[in-house]
Amino acid sequence: MTGFGDRIYEKGMRTGEQNGIQKGIQKGIQQGRHEGMILGALMSGKTPEEVSKMLNLPLEEIKKVQEQQMTVNR
């Protein structure tokens, strides 16, 4: 490609990359919020099953966060 086509291609690549980065950041923030809520509920004495129902999240996700926290605390 030359000239105009190159500029369109480059702009598209920059825009796509920026959108991808932004979406990744947003997803990371959301995941961090979920993990914080899960850990808070577990630390208050709730069982994984109770947390799953309370937050409407899969039990597997609750247990995964619980296991990660146990690994970090070792």
PDB file of N, CA and C in Angstrom:
ATOM      1  N   MET A   1       0.839  -1.180   0.000  1.00  0.00           N
ATOM      2  CA  MET A   1       0.000   0.000   0.000  1.00  0.00           C
ATOM      3  C   MET A   1       0.882   1.241   0.000  1.00  0.00           C
ATOM      4  N   THR A   2       0.340   2.301  -0.526  1.00  0.00           N
ATOM      5  CA  THR A   2       1.078   3.560  -0.526  1.00  0.00           C
ATOM      6  C   THR A   2       0.136   4.707  -0.228  1.00  0.00           C
ATOM      7  N   GLY A   3       0.658   5.727   0.393  1.00  0.00           N
ATOM      8  CA  GLY A   3      -0.090   6.963   0.589  1.00  0.00           C
ATOM      9  C   GLY A   3      -1.354   6.816   1.400  1.00  0.00           C
ATOM     10  N   PHE A   4      -2.474   7.137   0.768  1.00  0.00           N
ATOM     11  CA  PHE A   4      -3.771   7.179   1.430  1.00  0.00           C
ATOM     12  C   PHE A   4      -4.133   5.836   2.075  1.00  0.00           C
ATOM     13  N   GLY A   5      -3.913   4.767   1.360  1.00  0.00           N
ATOM     14  CA  GLY A   5      -4.218   3.435   1.903  1.00  0.00           C
ATOM     15  C   GLY A   5      -3.421   3.138   3.155  1.00  0.00           C
ATOM     16  N   ASP A   6      -2.163   3.526   3.161  1.00  0.00           N
ATOM     17  CA  ASP A   6      -1.313   3.334   4.345  1.00  0.00           C
ATOM     18  C   ASP A   6      -1.863   4.106   5.538  1.00  0.00           C
ATOM     19  N   ARG A   7      -2.282   5.331   5.295  1.00  0.00           N
ATOM     20  CA  ARG A   7      -2.806   6.161   6.395  1.00  0.00           C
ATOM     21  C   ARG A   7      -4.085   5.568   6.970  1.00  0.00           C
ATOM     22  N   ILE A   8      -4.963   5.091   6.104  1.00  0.00           N
ATOM     23  CA  ILE A   8      -6.198   4.469   6.578  1.00  0.00           C
ATOM     24  C   ILE A   8      -5.880   3.213   7.387  1.00  0.00           C
ATOM     25  N   TYR A   9      -4.973   2.407   6.895  1.00  0.00           N
ATOM     26  CA  TYR A   9      -4.574   1.183   7.584  1.00  0.00           C
ATOM     27  C   TYR A   9      -3.983   1.511   8.960  1.00  0.00           C
ATOM     28  N   GLU A  10      -3.061   2.466   9.004  1.00  0.00           N
ATOM     29  CA  GLU A  10      -2.415   2.838  10.263  1.00  0.00           C
ATOM     30  C   GLU A  10      -3.433   3.373  11.271  1.00  0.00           C
ATOM     31  N   LYS A  11      -4.353   4.222  10.803  1.00  0.00           N
ATOM     32  CA  LYS A  11      -5.382   4.765  11.701  1.00  0.00           C
ATOM     33  C   LYS A  11      -6.257   3.641  12.244  1.00  0.00           C
ATOM     34  N   GLY A  12      -6.621   2.720  11.395  1.00  0.00           N
ATOM     35  CA  GLY A  12      -7.427   1.584  11.829  1.00  0.00           C
ATOM     36  C   GLY A  12      -6.702   0.735  12.856  1.00  0.00           C
ATOM     37  N   MET A  13      -5.432   0.526  12.656  1.00  0.00           N
ATOM     38  CA  MET A  13      -4.639  -0.268  13.601  1.00  0.00           C
ATOM     39  C   MET A  13      -4.549   0.439  14.950  1.00  0.00           C
ATOM     40  N   ARG A  14      -4.308   1.748  14.947  1.00  0.00           N
ATOM     41  CA  ARG A  14      -4.215   2.511  16.208  1.00  0.00           C
ATOM     42  C   ARG A  14      -5.543   2.499  16.942  1.00  0.00           C
ATOM     43  N   THR A  15      -6.622   2.724  16.216  1.00  0.00           N
ATOM     44  CA  THR A  15      -7.947   2.750  16.823  1.00  0.00           C
ATOM     45  C   THR A  15      -8.287   1.384  17.403  1.00  0.00           C
ATOM     46  N   GLY A  16      -8.040   0.330  16.657  1.00  0.00           N
ATOM     47  CA  GLY A  16      -8.322  -1.021  17.139  1.00  0.00           C
ATOM     48  C   GLY A  16      -7.496  -1.369  18.354  1.00  0.00           C
ATOM     49  N   GLU A  17      -6.233  -0.972  18.339  1.00  0.00           N
ATOM     50  CA  GLU A  17      -5.355  -1.259  19.472  1.00  0.00           C
ATOM     51  C   GLU A  17      -5.818  -0.506  20.707  1.00  0.00           C
ATOM     52  N   GLN A  18      -6.165   0.753  20.558  1.00  0.00           N
ATOM     53  CA  GLN A  18      -6.623   1.554  21.692  1.00  0.00           C
ATOM     54  C   GLN A  18      -7.918   0.992  22.260  1.00  0.00           C
ATOM     55  N   ASN A  19      -8.845   0.597  21.390  1.00  0.00           N
ATOM     56  CA  ASN A  19     -10.105   0.013  21.855  1.00  0.00           C
ATOM     57  C   ASN A  19      -9.847  -1.282  22.602  1.00  0.00           C
ATOM     58  N   GLY A  20      -8.931  -2.089  22.096  1.00  0.00           N
ATOM     59  CA  GLY A  20      -8.604  -3.352  22.748  1.00  0.00           C
ATOM     60  C   GLY A  20      -7.991  -3.138  24.114  1.00  0.00           C
ATOM     61  N   ILE A  21      -7.094  -2.173  24.214  1.00  0.00           N
ATOM     62  CA  ILE A  21      -6.469  -1.861  25.502  1.00  0.00           C
ATOM     63  C   ILE A  21      -7.524  -1.370  26.490  1.00  0.00           C
ATOM     64  N   GLN A  22      -8.379  -0.469  26.049  1.00  0.00           N
ATOM     65  CA  GLN A  22      -9.423   0.069  26.923  1.00  0.00           C
ATOM     66  C   GLN A  22     -10.360  -1.034  27.411  1.00  0.00           C
ATOM     67  N   LYS A  23     -10.756  -1.920  26.515  1.00  0.00           N
ATOM     68  CA  LYS A  23     -11.630  -3.023  26.917  1.00  0.00           C
ATOM     69  C   LYS A  23     -10.927  -3.938  27.912  1.00  0.00           C
ATOM     70  N   GLY A  24      -9.644  -4.163  27.708  1.00  0.00           N
ATOM     71  CA  GLY A  24      -8.883  -4.994  28.638  1.00  0.00           C
ATOM     72  C   GLY A  24      -8.795  -4.369  30.015  1.00  0.00           C
ATOM     73  N   ILE A  25      -8.584  -3.070  30.066  1.00  0.00           N
ATOM     74  CA  ILE A  25      -8.526  -2.360  31.345  1.00  0.00           C
ATOM     75  C   ILE A  25      -9.870  -2.449  32.055  1.00  0.00           C
ATOM     76  N   GLN A  26     -10.951  -2.211  31.315  1.00  0.00           N
ATOM     77  CA  GLN A  26     -12.288  -2.274  31.908  1.00  0.00           C
ATOM     78  C   GLN A  26     -12.592  -3.668  32.439  1.00  0.00           C
ATOM     79  N   LYS A  27     -12.202  -4.674  31.690  1.00  0.00           N
ATOM     80  CA  LYS A  27     -12.437  -6.050  32.134  1.00  0.00           C
ATOM     81  C   LYS A  27     -11.639  -6.346  33.401  1.00  0.00           C
ATOM     82  N   GLY A  28     -10.411  -5.862  33.463  1.00  0.00           N
ATOM     83  CA  GLY A  28      -9.585  -6.066  34.655  1.00  0.00           C
ATOM     84  C   GLY A  28     -10.170  -5.389  35.882  1.00  0.00           C
ATOM     85  N   ILE A  29     -10.685  -4.184  35.696  1.00  0.00           N
ATOM     86  CA  ILE A  29     -11.312  -3.464  36.809  1.00  0.00           C
ATOM     87  C   ILE A  29     -12.534  -4.222  37.296  1.00  0.00           C
ATOM     88  N   GLN A  30     -13.349  -4.681  36.373  1.00  0.00           N
ATOM     89  CA  GLN A  30     -14.557  -5.432  36.739  1.00  0.00           C
ATOM     90  C   GLN A  30     -14.189  -6.710  37.482  1.00  0.00           C
ATOM     91  N   GLN A  31     -13.168  -7.419  37.002  1.00  0.00           N
ATOM     92  CA  GLN A  31     -12.741  -8.656  37.653  1.00  0.00           C
ATOM     93  C   GLN A  31     -12.237  -8.353  39.062  1.00  0.00           C
ATOM     94  N   GLY A  32     -11.508  -7.264  39.218  1.00  0.00           N
ATOM     95  CA  GLY A  32     -11.022  -6.875  40.536  1.00  0.00           C
ATOM     96  C   GLY A  32     -12.158  -6.581  41.500  1.00  0.00           C
ATOM     97  N   ARG A  33     -13.203  -5.950  41.009  1.00  0.00           N
ATOM     98  CA  ARG A  33     -14.375  -5.668  41.847  1.00  0.00           C
ATOM     99  C   ARG A  33     -15.035  -6.968  42.290  1.00  0.00           C
ATOM    100  N   HIS A  34     -15.193  -7.891  41.341  1.00  0.00           N
ATOM    101  CA  HIS A  34     -15.802  -9.182  41.690  1.00  0.00           C
ATOM    102  C   HIS A  34     -14.986  -9.877  42.766  1.00  0.00           C
ATOM    103  N   GLU A  35     -13.673  -9.919  42.566  1.00  0.00           N
ATOM    104  CA  GLU A  35     -12.815 -10.596  43.530  1.00  0.00           C
ATOM    105  C   GLU A  35     -12.885  -9.925  44.894  1.00  0.00           C
ATOM    106  N   GLY A  36     -12.933  -8.607  44.915  1.00  0.00           N
ATOM    107  CA  GLY A  36     -13.041  -7.882  46.178  1.00  0.00           C
ATOM    108  C   GLY A  36     -14.337  -8.190  46.900  1.00  0.00           C
ATOM    109  N   MET A  37     -15.435  -8.228  46.164  1.00  0.00           N
ATOM    110  CA  MET A  37     -16.730  -8.551  46.777  1.00  0.00           C
ATOM    111  C   MET A  37     -16.734  -9.983  47.288  1.00  0.00           C
ATOM    112  N   ILE A  38     -16.168 -10.888  46.506  1.00  0.00           N
ATOM    113  CA  ILE A  38     -16.117 -12.298  46.905  1.00  0.00           C
ATOM    114  C   ILE A  38     -15.301 -12.449  48.181  1.00  0.00           C
ATOM    115  N   LEU A  39     -14.112 -11.869  48.193  1.00  0.00           N
ATOM    116  CA  LEU A  39     -13.253 -11.985  49.370  1.00  0.00           C
ATOM    117  C   LEU A  39     -13.886 -11.345  50.594  1.00  0.00           C
ATOM    118  N   GLY A  40     -14.515 -10.206  50.410  1.00  0.00           N
ATOM    119  CA  GLY A  40     -15.182  -9.546  51.532  1.00  0.00           C
ATOM    120  C   GLY A  40     -16.270 -10.420  52.134  1.00  0.00           C
ATOM    121  N   ALA A  41     -17.050 -11.033  51.281  1.00  0.00           N
ATOM    122  CA  ALA A  41     -18.128 -11.899  51.764  1.00  0.00           C
ATOM    123  C   ALA A  41     -17.566 -13.142  52.450  1.00  0.00           C
ATOM    124  N   LEU A  42     -16.529 -13.730  51.863  1.00  0.00           N
ATOM    125  CA  LEU A  42     -15.930 -14.916  52.484  1.00  0.00           C
ATOM    126  C   LEU A  42     -15.300 -14.575  53.825  1.00  0.00           C
ATOM    127  N   MET A  43     -14.649 -13.430  53.898  1.00  0.00           N
ATOM    128  CA  MET A  43     -14.000 -13.025  55.148  1.00  0.00           C
ATOM    129  C   MET A  43     -15.010 -12.678  56.234  1.00  0.00           C
ATOM    130  N   SER A  44     -16.237 -12.367  55.841  1.00  0.00           N
ATOM    131  CA  SER A  44     -17.275 -12.076  56.837  1.00  0.00           C
ATOM    132  C   SER A  44     -17.914 -13.356  57.365  1.00  0.00           C
ATOM    133  N   GLY A  45     -17.435 -14.497  56.868  1.00  0.00           N
ATOM    134  CA  GLY A  45     -17.906 -15.775  57.401  1.00  0.00           C
ATOM    135  C   GLY A  45     -18.904 -16.506  56.528  1.00  0.00           C
ATOM    136  N   LYS A  46     -19.219 -15.975  55.381  1.00  0.00           N
ATOM    137  CA  LYS A  46     -20.165 -16.653  54.489  1.00  0.00           C
ATOM    138  C   LYS A  46     -19.479 -17.824  53.794  1.00  0.00           C
ATOM    139  N   THR A  47     -20.245 -18.849  53.489  1.00  0.00           N
ATOM    140  CA  THR A  47     -19.724 -20.007  52.770  1.00  0.00           C
ATOM    141  C   THR A  47     -19.652 -19.677  51.286  1.00  0.00           C
ATOM    142  N   PRO A  48     -18.845 -20.406  50.529  1.00  0.00           N
ATOM    143  CA  PRO A  48     -18.800 -20.176  49.084  1.00  0.00           C
ATOM    144  C   PRO A  48     -20.181 -20.284  48.430  1.00  0.00           C
ATOM    145  N   GLU A  49     -20.990 -21.206  48.903  1.00  0.00           N
ATOM    146  CA  GLU A  49     -22.329 -21.379  48.343  1.00  0.00           C
ATOM    147  C   GLU A  49     -23.195 -20.146  48.596  1.00  0.00           C
ATOM    148  N   GLU A  50     -23.092 -19.594  49.817  1.00  0.00           N
ATOM    149  CA  GLU A  50     -23.860 -18.396  50.155  1.00  0.00           C
ATOM    150  C   GLU A  50     -23.399 -17.208  49.310  1.00  0.00           C
ATOM    151  N   VAL A  51     -22.094 -17.085  49.133  1.00  0.00           N
ATOM    152  CA  VAL A  51     -21.539 -15.991  48.337  1.00  0.00           C
ATOM    153  C   VAL A  51     -22.000 -16.113  46.888  1.00  0.00           C
ATOM    154  N   SER A  52     -21.995 -17.329  46.368  1.00  0.00           N
ATOM    155  CA  SER A  52     -22.430 -17.568  44.997  1.00  0.00           C
ATOM    156  C   SER A  52     -23.868 -17.096  44.789  1.00  0.00           C
ATOM    157  N   LYS A  53     -24.738 -17.458  45.716  1.00  0.00           N
ATOM    158  CA  LYS A  53     -26.139 -17.048  45.610  1.00  0.00           C
ATOM    159  C   LYS A  53     -26.292 -15.543  45.794  1.00  0.00           C
ATOM    160  N   MET A  54     -25.568 -14.999  46.769  1.00  0.00           N
ATOM    161  CA  MET A  54     -25.684 -13.586  47.093  1.00  0.00           C
ATOM    162  C   MET A  54     -25.235 -12.694  45.931  1.00  0.00           C
ATOM    163  N   LEU A  55     -24.132 -13.064  45.290  1.00  0.00           N
ATOM    164  CA  LEU A  55     -23.578 -12.248  44.211  1.00  0.00           C
ATOM    165  C   LEU A  55     -24.008 -12.707  42.824  1.00  0.00           C
ATOM    166  N   ASN A  56     -24.778 -13.785  42.773  1.00  0.00           N
ATOM    167  CA  ASN A  56     -25.245 -14.347  41.506  1.00  0.00           C
ATOM    168  C   ASN A  56     -24.071 -14.656  40.570  1.00  0.00           C
ATOM    169  N   LEU A  57     -23.059 -15.314  41.140  1.00  0.00           N
ATOM    170  CA  LEU A  57     -21.872 -15.721  40.390  1.00  0.00           C
ATOM    171  C   LEU A  57     -21.719 -17.230  40.499  1.00  0.00           C
ATOM    172  N   PRO A  58     -21.090 -17.844  39.521  1.00  0.00           N
ATOM    173  CA  PRO A  58     -20.906 -19.302  39.581  1.00  0.00           C
ATOM    174  C   PRO A  58     -20.078 -19.719  40.797  1.00  0.00           C
ATOM    175  N   LEU A  59     -20.458 -20.822  41.400  1.00  0.00           N
ATOM    176  CA  LEU A  59     -19.748 -21.346  42.566  1.00  0.00           C
ATOM    177  C   LEU A  59     -18.279 -21.597  42.234  1.00  0.00           C
ATOM    178  N   GLU A  60     -18.004 -22.036  41.026  1.00  0.00           N
ATOM    179  CA  GLU A  60     -16.621 -22.299  40.617  1.00  0.00           C
ATOM    180  C   GLU A  60     -15.770 -21.027  40.707  1.00  0.00           C
ATOM    181  N   GLU A  61     -16.352 -19.891  40.339  1.00  0.00           N
ATOM    182  CA  GLU A  61     -15.619 -18.626  40.408  1.00  0.00           C
ATOM    183  C   GLU A  61     -15.308 -18.260  41.856  1.00  0.00           C
ATOM    184  N   ILE A  62     -16.256 -18.493  42.736  1.00  0.00           N
ATOM    185  CA  ILE A  62     -16.067 -18.204  44.163  1.00  0.00           C
ATOM    186  C   ILE A  62     -14.936 -19.067  44.713  1.00  0.00           C
ATOM    187  N   LYS A  63     -14.989 -20.349  44.406  1.00  0.00           N
ATOM    188  CA  LYS A  63     -13.962 -21.266  44.908  1.00  0.00           C
ATOM    189  C   LYS A  63     -12.589 -20.941  44.328  1.00  0.00           C
ATOM    190  N   LYS A  64     -12.541 -20.517  43.081  1.00  0.00           N
ATOM    191  CA  LYS A  64     -11.273 -20.153  42.448  1.00  0.00           C
ATOM    192  C   LYS A  64     -10.641 -18.973  43.182  1.00  0.00           C
ATOM    193  N   VAL A  65     -11.438 -17.952  43.475  1.00  0.00           N
ATOM    194  CA  VAL A  65     -10.930 -16.781  44.196  1.00  0.00           C
ATOM    195  C   VAL A  65     -10.494 -17.183  45.599  1.00  0.00           C
ATOM    196  N   GLN A  66     -11.262 -18.051  46.233  1.00  0.00           N
ATOM    197  CA  GLN A  66     -10.927 -18.516  47.574  1.00  0.00           C
ATOM    198  C   GLN A  66      -9.585 -19.261  47.568  1.00  0.00           C
ATOM    199  N   GLU A  67      -9.386 -20.129  46.592  1.00  0.00           N
ATOM    200  CA  GLU A  67      -8.137 -20.882  46.489  1.00  0.00           C
ATOM    201  C   GLU A  67      -6.957 -19.949  46.210  1.00  0.00           C
ATOM    202  N   GLN A  68      -7.159 -18.956  45.347  1.00  0.00           N
ATOM    203  CA  GLN A  68      -6.086 -18.005  45.051  1.00  0.00           C
ATOM    204  C   GLN A  68      -5.690 -17.254  46.306  1.00  0.00           C
ATOM    205  N   GLN A  69      -6.666 -16.874  47.100  1.00  0.00           N
ATOM    206  CA  GLN A  69      -6.382 -16.130  48.323  1.00  0.00           C
ATOM    207  C   GLN A  69      -5.626 -17.004  49.315  1.00  0.00           C
ATOM    208  N   MET A  70      -5.984 -18.271  49.387  1.00  0.00           N
ATOM    209  CA  MET A  70      -5.300 -19.185  50.298  1.00  0.00           C
ATOM    210  C   MET A  70      -3.843 -19.359  49.865  1.00  0.00           C
ATOM    211  N   THR A  71      -3.607 -19.386  48.568  1.00  0.00           N
ATOM    212  CA  THR A  71      -2.253 -19.529  48.030  1.00  0.00           C
ATOM    213  C   THR A  71      -1.410 -18.294  48.360  1.00  0.00           C
ATOM    214  N   VAL A  72      -2.027 -17.111  48.249  1.00  0.00           N
ATOM    215  CA  VAL A  72      -1.325 -15.855  48.528  1.00  0.00           C
ATOM    216  C   VAL A  72      -0.965 -15.761  50.007  1.00  0.00           C
ATOM    217  N   ASN A  73      -1.827 -16.257  50.878  1.00  0.00           N
ATOM    218  CA  ASN A  73      -1.620 -16.147  52.320  1.00  0.00           C
ATOM    219  C   ASN A  73      -0.624 -17.161  52.871  1.00  0.00           C
ATOM    220  N   ARG A  74      -0.155 -18.075  52.069  1.00  0.00           N
ATOM    221  CA  ARG A  74       0.789 -19.088  52.557  1.00  0.00           C
ATOM    222  C   ARG A  74       2.145 -18.520  52.780  1.00  0.00           C
TER     223      ARG A  74
END
